[in-house]
C-alpha atoms as a PDB file:
ATOM      1  CA  UNK A   1     -82.447 -20.818 -51.009  1.00  0.00           C
ATOM      2  CA  UNK A   2     -83.075 -23.346 -53.683  1.00  0.00           C
ATOM      3  CA  UNK A   3     -82.865 -22.695 -57.475  1.00  0.00           C
ATOM      4  CA  UNK A   4     -85.238 -24.357 -59.776  1.00  0.00           C
ATOM      5  CA  UNK A   5     -85.228 -24.548 -63.614  1.00  0.00           C
ATOM      6  CA  UNK A   6     -88.795 -23.652 -64.656  1.00  0.00           C
ATOM      7  CA  UNK A   7     -90.660 -25.127 -67.628  1.00  0.00           C
ATOM      8  CA  UNK A   8     -89.522 -22.039 -69.915  1.00  0.00           C
ATOM      9  CA  UNK A   9     -86.089 -22.513 -68.968  1.00  0.00           C
ATOM     10  CA  UNK A  10     -85.451 -19.799 -66.636  1.00  0.00           C
ATOM     11  CA  UNK A  11     -84.455 -20.028 -62.976  1.00  0.00           C
ATOM     12  CA  UNK A  12     -86.816 -19.224 -59.815  1.00  0.00           C
ATOM     13  CA  UNK A  13     -85.471 -19.067 -56.487  1.00  0.00           C
ATOM     14  CA  UNK A  14     -87.379 -20.671 -53.315  1.00  0.00           C
ATOM     15  CA  UNK A  15     -86.913 -20.728 -49.496  1.00  0.00           C
ATOM     16  CA  UNK A  16     -88.413 -23.587 -47.678  1.00  0.00           C
ATOM     17  CA  UNK A  17     -88.836 -24.532 -44.159  1.00  0.00           C
ATOM     18  CA  UNK A  18     -86.750 -27.735 -43.587  1.00  0.00           C
ATOM     19  CA  UNK A  19     -89.012 -30.990 -42.942  1.00  0.00           C
ATOM     20  CA  UNK A  20     -87.745 -31.601 -39.537  1.00  0.00           C
ATOM     21  CA  UNK A  21     -88.655 -27.996 -38.585  1.00  0.00           C
ATOM     22  CA  UNK A  22     -92.443 -28.498 -39.934  1.00  0.00           C
ATOM     23  CA  UNK A  23     -92.351 -31.657 -37.792  1.00  0.00           C
ATOM     24  CA  UNK A  24     -91.228 -29.878 -34.797  1.00  0.00           C
ATOM     25  CA  UNK A  25     -93.916 -27.151 -35.392  1.00  0.00           C
ATOM     26  CA  UNK A  26     -92.247 -24.315 -37.370  1.00  0.00           C
ATOM     27  CA  UNK A  27     -94.840 -21.946 -38.234  1.00  0.00           C
ATOM     28  CA  UNK A  28     -92.938 -20.291 -41.127  1.00  0.00           C
ATOM     29  CA  UNK A  29     -94.162 -20.630 -44.725  1.00  0.00           C
ATOM     30  CA  UNK A  30     -92.185 -21.575 -47.606  1.00  0.00           C
ATOM     31  CA  UNK A  31     -91.888 -18.956 -50.241  1.00  0.00           C
ATOM     32  CA  UNK A  32     -91.249 -18.233 -54.010  1.00  0.00           C
ATOM     33  CA  UNK A  33     -88.721 -15.762 -54.035  1.00  0.00           C
ATOM     34  CA  UNK A  34     -88.831 -15.052 -57.912  1.00  0.00           C
ATOM     35  CA  UNK A  35     -86.200 -14.940 -60.706  1.00  0.00           C
ATOM     36  CA  UNK A  36     -83.878 -12.246 -59.486  1.00  0.00           C
ATOM     37  CA  UNK A  37     -80.833 -13.863 -57.691  1.00  0.00           C
ATOM     38  CA  UNK A  38     -79.918 -10.613 -55.660  1.00  0.00           C
ATOM     39  CA  UNK A  39     -83.526 -10.154 -54.477  1.00  0.00           C
ATOM     40  CA  UNK A  40     -83.886 -13.505 -53.571  1.00  0.00           C
ATOM     41  CA  UNK A  41     -80.496 -13.683 -51.718  1.00  0.00           C
ATOM     42  CA  UNK A  42     -81.439 -10.173 -49.808  1.00  0.00           C
ATOM     43  CA  UNK A  43     -84.739 -11.569 -48.673  1.00  0.00           C
ATOM     44  CA  UNK A  44     -83.234 -14.885 -47.353  1.00  0.00           C
ATOM     45  CA  UNK A  45     -80.463 -12.924 -45.684  1.00  0.00           C
ATOM     46  CA  UNK A  46     -82.446 -10.135 -44.287  1.00  0.00           C
ATOM     47  CA  UNK A  47     -85.718 -11.861 -43.402  1.00  0.00           C
ATOM     48  CA  UNK A  48     -86.172 -15.345 -43.825  1.00  0.00           C
ATOM     49  CA  UNK A  49     -83.222 -16.999 -42.320  1.00  0.00           C
ATOM     50  CA  UNK A  50     -83.065 -14.469 -39.312  1.00  0.00           C
ATOM     51  CA  UNK A  51     -86.857 -15.718 -38.545  1.00  0.00           C
ATOM     52  CA  UNK A  52     -85.944 -19.349 -38.828  1.00  0.00           C
ATOM     53  CA  UNK A  53     -82.987 -18.925 -36.629  1.00  0.00           C
ATOM     54  CA  UNK A  54     -84.991 -17.164 -34.206  1.00  0.00           C
ATOM     55  CA  UNK A  55     -87.468 -19.736 -34.402  1.00  0.00           C
ATOM     56  CA  UNK A  56     -84.827 -22.596 -34.273  1.00  0.00           C
ATOM     57  CA  UNK A  57     -83.245 -21.135 -30.815  1.00  0.00           C
ATOM     58  CA  UNK A  58     -86.554 -20.357 -29.110  1.00  0.00           C
ATOM     59  CA  UNK A  59     -86.034 -16.485 -29.407  1.00  0.00           C
ATOM     60  CA  UNK A  60     -88.913 -13.699 -29.050  1.00  0.00           C
ATOM     61  CA  UNK A  61     -87.174 -11.872 -31.683  1.00  0.00           C
ATOM     62  CA  UNK A  62     -90.050 -10.174 -33.644  1.00  0.00           C
ATOM     63  CA  UNK A  63     -89.051  -9.965 -37.206  1.00  0.00           C
ATOM     64  CA  UNK A  64     -92.239  -8.920 -38.982  1.00  0.00           C
ATOM     65  CA  UNK A  65     -92.891  -9.573 -42.582  1.00  0.00           C
ATOM     66  CA  UNK A  66     -95.226  -6.596 -42.914  1.00  0.00           C
ATOM     67  CA  UNK A  67     -92.385  -3.999 -43.490  1.00  0.00           C
ATOM     68  CA  UNK A  68     -91.619  -5.995 -46.963  1.00  0.00           C
ATOM     69  CA  UNK A  69     -93.919  -5.655 -49.775  1.00  0.00           C
ATOM     70  CA  UNK A  70     -95.400  -8.851 -50.921  1.00  0.00           C
ATOM     71  CA  UNK A  71     -93.901 -10.200 -54.420  1.00  0.00           C
ATOM     72  CA  UNK A  72     -95.474  -9.201 -57.456  1.00  0.00           C
ATOM     73  CA  UNK A  73     -97.388  -6.115 -56.069  1.00  0.00           C
ATOM     74  CA  UNK A  74     -96.819  -2.320 -56.920  1.00  0.00           C
ATOM     75  CA  UNK A  75     -95.141  -1.767 -53.849  1.00  0.00           C
ATOM     76  CA  UNK A  76     -92.705  -4.851 -54.607  1.00  0.00           C
ATOM     77  CA  UNK A  77     -92.131  -3.098 -58.195  1.00  0.00           C
ATOM     78  CA  UNK A  78     -91.179   0.063 -56.715  1.00  0.00           C
ATOM     79  CA  UNK A  79     -88.842  -1.396 -53.983  1.00  0.00           C
ATOM     80  CA  UNK A  80     -87.042  -3.431 -56.882  1.00  0.00           C
ATOM     81  CA  UNK A  81     -86.551  -0.482 -59.029  1.00  0.00           C
ATOM     82  CA  UNK A  82     -85.128   1.399 -56.371  1.00  0.00           C
ATOM     83  CA  UNK A  83     -82.376  -0.777 -55.872  1.00  0.00           C
ATOM     84  CA  UNK A  84     -81.410  -0.664 -59.674  1.00  0.00           C
ATOM     85  CA  UNK A  85     -78.892   1.312 -60.975  1.00  0.00           C
ATOM     86  CA  UNK A  86     -81.405   3.053 -63.441  1.00  0.00           C
ATOM     87  CA  UNK A  87     -82.697   4.841 -60.325  1.00  0.00           C
ATOM     88  CA  UNK A  88     -79.663   5.127 -57.954  1.00  0.00           C
ATOM     89  CA  UNK A  89     -77.722   6.948 -60.583  1.00  0.00           C
ATOM     90  CA  UNK A  90     -80.447   9.687 -60.698  1.00  0.00           C
ATOM     91  CA  UNK A  91     -79.503  12.965 -58.917  1.00  0.00           C
ATOM     92  CA  UNK A  92     -80.960  13.075 -55.435  1.00  0.00           C
ATOM     93  CA  UNK A  93     -83.239  15.843 -56.394  1.00  0.00           C
ATOM     94  CA  UNK A  94     -84.971  13.690 -58.937  1.00  0.00           C
ATOM     95  CA  UNK A  95     -85.109  10.492 -56.872  1.00  0.00           C
ATOM     96  CA  UNK A  96     -86.831  12.551 -54.168  1.00  0.00           C
ATOM     97  CA  UNK A  97     -89.214  13.785 -56.768  1.00  0.00           C
ATOM     98  CA  UNK A  98     -89.922   9.990 -58.015  1.00  0.00           C
ATOM     99  CA  UNK A  99     -90.257   8.953 -54.183  1.00  0.00           C
ATOM    100  CA  UNK A 100     -92.860  11.356 -53.618  1.00  0.00           C
ATOM    101  CA  UNK A 101     -95.008  10.482 -56.747  1.00  0.00           C
ATOM    102  CA  UNK A 102     -94.712   6.836 -56.177  1.00  0.00           C
ATOM    103  CA  UNK A 103     -95.465   6.884 -52.450  1.00  0.00           C
ATOM    104  CA  UNK A 104     -98.770   8.835 -53.652  1.00  0.00           C
ATOM    105  CA  UNK A 105     -99.402   6.450 -56.117  1.00  0.00           C
ATOM    106  CA  UNK A 106     -98.757   3.571 -53.452  1.00  0.00           C
ATOM    107  CA  UNK A 107    -101.086   5.111 -50.680  1.00  0.00           C
ATOM    108  CA  UNK A 108    -104.002   5.883 -52.916  1.00  0.00           C
ATOM    109  CA  UNK A 109    -107.322   4.026 -51.884  1.00  0.00           C
ATOM    110  CA  UNK A 110    -109.287   2.278 -54.244  1.00  0.00           C
ATOM    111  CA  UNK A 111    -112.973   2.534 -54.262  1.00  0.00           C
ATOM    112  CA  UNK A 112    -113.031  -0.703 -52.532  1.00  0.00           C
ATOM    113  CA  UNK A 113    -110.957   0.468 -49.852  1.00  0.00           C
ATOM    114  CA  UNK A 114    -107.505  -1.501 -50.847  1.00  0.00           C
ATOM    115  CA  UNK A 115    -104.464   0.221 -51.423  1.00  0.00           C
ATOM    116  CA  UNK A 116    -103.129   0.695 -54.906  1.00  0.00           C
ATOM    117  CA  UNK A 117     -99.748  -0.480 -53.794  1.00  0.00           C
ATOM    118  CA  UNK A 118    -101.184  -3.635 -52.533  1.00  0.00           C
ATOM    119  CA  UNK A 119    -102.266  -4.506 -56.021  1.00  0.00           C
ATOM    120  CA  UNK A 120    -100.671  -7.543 -57.619  1.00  0.00           C
ATOM    121  CA  UNK A 121     -99.228  -5.712 -60.512  1.00  0.00           C
ATOM    122  CA  UNK A 122    -100.924  -8.590 -63.191  1.00  0.00           C
ATOM    123  CA  UNK A 123    -104.285  -7.543 -62.072  1.00  0.00           C
ATOM    124  CA  UNK A 124    -103.585  -3.789 -62.957  1.00  0.00           C
ATOM    125  CA  UNK A 125    -104.912  -3.087 -66.310  1.00  0.00           C
ATOM    126  CA  UNK A 126    -105.725   0.317 -68.351  1.00  0.00           C
ATOM    127  CA  UNK A 127    -108.910  -1.243 -69.372  1.00  0.00           C
ATOM    128  CA  UNK A 128    -110.007  -1.853 -65.978  1.00  0.00           C
ATOM    129  CA  UNK A 129    -108.577   1.254 -64.334  1.00  0.00           C
ATOM    130  CA  UNK A 130    -110.946   4.023 -63.454  1.00  0.00           C
ATOM    131  CA  UNK A 131    -110.897   6.927 -65.758  1.00  0.00           C
ATOM    132  CA  UNK A 132    -109.985   9.418 -63.282  1.00  0.00           C
ATOM    133  CA  UNK A 133    -106.873  11.343 -63.433  1.00  0.00           C
ATOM    134  CA  UNK A 134    -105.414   9.791 -60.549  1.00  0.00           C
ATOM    135  CA  UNK A 135    -105.599   6.092 -62.323  1.00  0.00           C
ATOM    136  CA  UNK A 136    -104.294   7.493 -65.508  1.00  0.00           C
ATOM    137  CA  UNK A 137    -101.286   8.664 -63.487  1.00  0.00           C
ATOM    138  CA  UNK A 138    -101.054   5.361 -61.784  1.00  0.00           C
ATOM    139  CA  UNK A 139    -101.203   3.570 -65.222  1.00  0.00           C
ATOM    140  CA  UNK A 140     -98.334   5.659 -66.688  1.00  0.00           C
ATOM    141  CA  UNK A 141     -96.232   5.038 -63.581  1.00  0.00           C
ATOM    142  CA  UNK A 142     -96.447   1.130 -63.951  1.00  0.00           C
ATOM    143  CA  UNK A 143     -95.835   1.217 -67.299  1.00  0.00           C
ATOM    144  CA  UNK A 144     -92.767   3.543 -67.037  1.00  0.00           C
ATOM    145  CA  UNK A 145     -91.620   1.644 -63.919  1.00  0.00           C
ATOM    146  CA  UNK A 146     -92.396  -1.752 -65.195  1.00  0.00           C
ATOM    147  CA  UNK A 147     -89.960  -1.324 -68.419  1.00  0.00           C
ATOM    148  CA  UNK A 148     -86.233  -2.669 -68.072  1.00  0.00           C
END
């Protein structure tokens, strides 16, 4: 994992495949991990480094990335929220209720067949959202959980 200072002065984290591994045929892709150190480190420790180690030793260990939400999507926002004290300090019954609502929002199928949870947060705009009550609920959820 490498930390880089961005133009605005913030620090963002990246994981990269070593050049020697690329030359030797490693098919893993380098990845931007975002500005949160804890989440970046967790992704490196739990997913990226074990995958790289598996490739390096020639193991057929299957560590699918599909069980991890793509950074910047609604699912990623929910996963990020669920590790924050703002969520973990809530009573169990409240967390269960939140989980149910967030799962319904995430699994909602849009008119074009995509899951709402797979949508990039930046592309979710109230003006472009369908006026149905479900989409209004989704937008309220994005606004609420998107706050710090």
